[in-house]
């Protein structure tokens, strides 16, 4: 997606590279994969919605969000030890 003649991916990689210099434990490739994953996920969701003739308001339902987020949280809780869930996340 071009922004001011540049590709958004380049800006993201530049931002990740700057953060890598500030934090030597940070792997910029992992951040790039996360950004790419988000783009693919949102593209797939919106693309499928448009292909089926849906509206954006169809995916902004609170009940659907509760089902998805609740299911995700439950799956994380099932697959993670309790100590890891209680421990403070490290940034």
Protein backbone atom coordinates (compact mmCIF):
# COMPACT_ATOMS: atom_id res chain seq x y z
CA UNK A 1 0.00 0.00 0.00
CA UNK A 2 1.74 3.20 -1.13
CA UNK A 3 1.93 6.08 1.32
CA UNK A 4 3.59 9.26 -0.01
CA UNK A 5 5.26 7.23 -2.76
CA UNK A 6 6.67 4.67 -0.31
CA UNK A 7 5.52 1.20 0.44
CA UNK A 8 4.06 0.65 3.91
CA UNK A 9 6.22 -2.46 4.33
CA UNK A 10 9.40 -0.39 4.04
CA UNK A 11 8.24 1.99 6.74
CA UNK A 12 7.41 -0.93 9.01
CA UNK A 13 10.81 -2.53 8.42
CA UNK A 14 12.54 0.80 9.11
CA UNK A 15 10.58 1.20 12.36
CA UNK A 16 11.44 -2.35 13.40
CA UNK A 17 15.11 -1.81 12.57
CA UNK A 18 15.22 1.29 14.76
CA UNK A 19 13.64 -0.65 17.63
CA UNK A 20 16.16 -3.44 17.09
CA UNK A 21 19.01 -0.99 17.70
CA UNK A 22 17.38 0.13 20.96
CA UNK A 23 16.77 -3.46 22.06
CA UNK A 24 19.44 -5.95 20.92
CA UNK A 25 17.23 -8.87 22.02
CA UNK A 26 14.54 -7.85 19.53
CA UNK A 27 14.46 -9.80 16.27
CA UNK A 28 13.17 -7.47 13.51
CA UNK A 29 12.20 -10.42 11.33
CA UNK A 30 9.72 -11.60 13.96
CA UNK A 31 8.08 -8.17 13.92
CA UNK A 32 7.93 -8.21 10.12
CA UNK A 33 6.25 -11.61 10.19
CA UNK A 34 3.72 -10.30 12.72
CA UNK A 35 2.90 -7.28 10.56
CA UNK A 36 2.60 -9.47 7.47
CA UNK A 37 0.38 -11.88 9.42
CA UNK A 38 -1.94 -9.06 10.46
CA UNK A 39 -2.17 -7.78 6.88
CA UNK A 40 -2.96 -11.29 5.60
CA UNK A 41 -5.52 -11.89 8.36
CA UNK A 42 -7.38 -8.63 7.85
CA UNK A 43 -7.15 -8.99 4.08
CA UNK A 44 -8.63 -12.48 4.28
CA UNK A 45 -11.44 -11.43 6.58
CA UNK A 46 -12.42 -8.36 4.58
CA UNK A 47 -11.86 -10.10 1.24
CA UNK A 48 -14.10 -13.01 2.22
CA UNK A 49 -16.72 -10.63 3.52
CA UNK A 50 -16.76 -8.65 0.27
CA UNK A 51 -16.85 -11.82 -1.84
CA UNK A 52 -19.96 -12.96 0.01
CA UNK A 53 -21.64 -9.58 -0.39
CA UNK A 54 -21.42 -8.70 3.28
CA UNK A 55 -21.13 -5.32 4.93
CA UNK A 56 -18.42 -4.11 7.33
CA UNK A 57 -21.08 -3.79 10.01
CA UNK A 58 -21.48 -7.58 9.81
CA UNK A 59 -18.11 -8.07 11.51
CA UNK A 60 -18.49 -5.37 14.16
CA UNK A 61 -20.94 -7.29 16.32
CA UNK A 62 -20.24 -7.42 20.04
CA UNK A 63 -21.60 -10.94 20.42
CA UNK A 64 -19.31 -12.25 17.68
CA UNK A 65 -16.33 -10.56 19.35
CA UNK A 66 -17.22 -12.17 22.69
CA UNK A 67 -17.38 -15.61 21.07
CA UNK A 68 -14.04 -15.20 19.26
CA UNK A 69 -12.13 -13.51 22.09
CA UNK A 70 -13.60 -15.81 24.74
CA UNK A 71 -12.71 -18.89 22.68
CA UNK A 72 -9.20 -17.59 22.09
CA UNK A 73 -8.67 -16.83 25.76
CA UNK A 74 -10.00 -20.27 26.71
CA UNK A 75 -7.67 -21.99 24.22
CA UNK A 76 -4.69 -20.05 25.58
CA UNK A 77 -5.65 -21.01 29.14
CA UNK A 78 -5.97 -24.69 28.21
CA UNK A 79 -2.56 -24.80 26.51
CA UNK A 80 -0.60 -22.69 29.03
CA UNK A 81 0.50 -23.54 32.55
CA UNK A 82 -1.17 -21.53 35.30
CA UNK A 83 2.16 -20.07 36.44
CA UNK A 84 2.75 -18.63 32.97
CA UNK A 85 -0.71 -17.05 32.92
CA UNK A 86 -0.27 -15.46 36.34
CA UNK A 87 3.31 -14.25 35.79
CA UNK A 88 3.81 -10.67 34.65
CA UNK A 89 4.39 -10.56 30.89
CA UNK A 90 7.89 -9.38 29.97
CA UNK A 91 8.18 -6.65 27.40
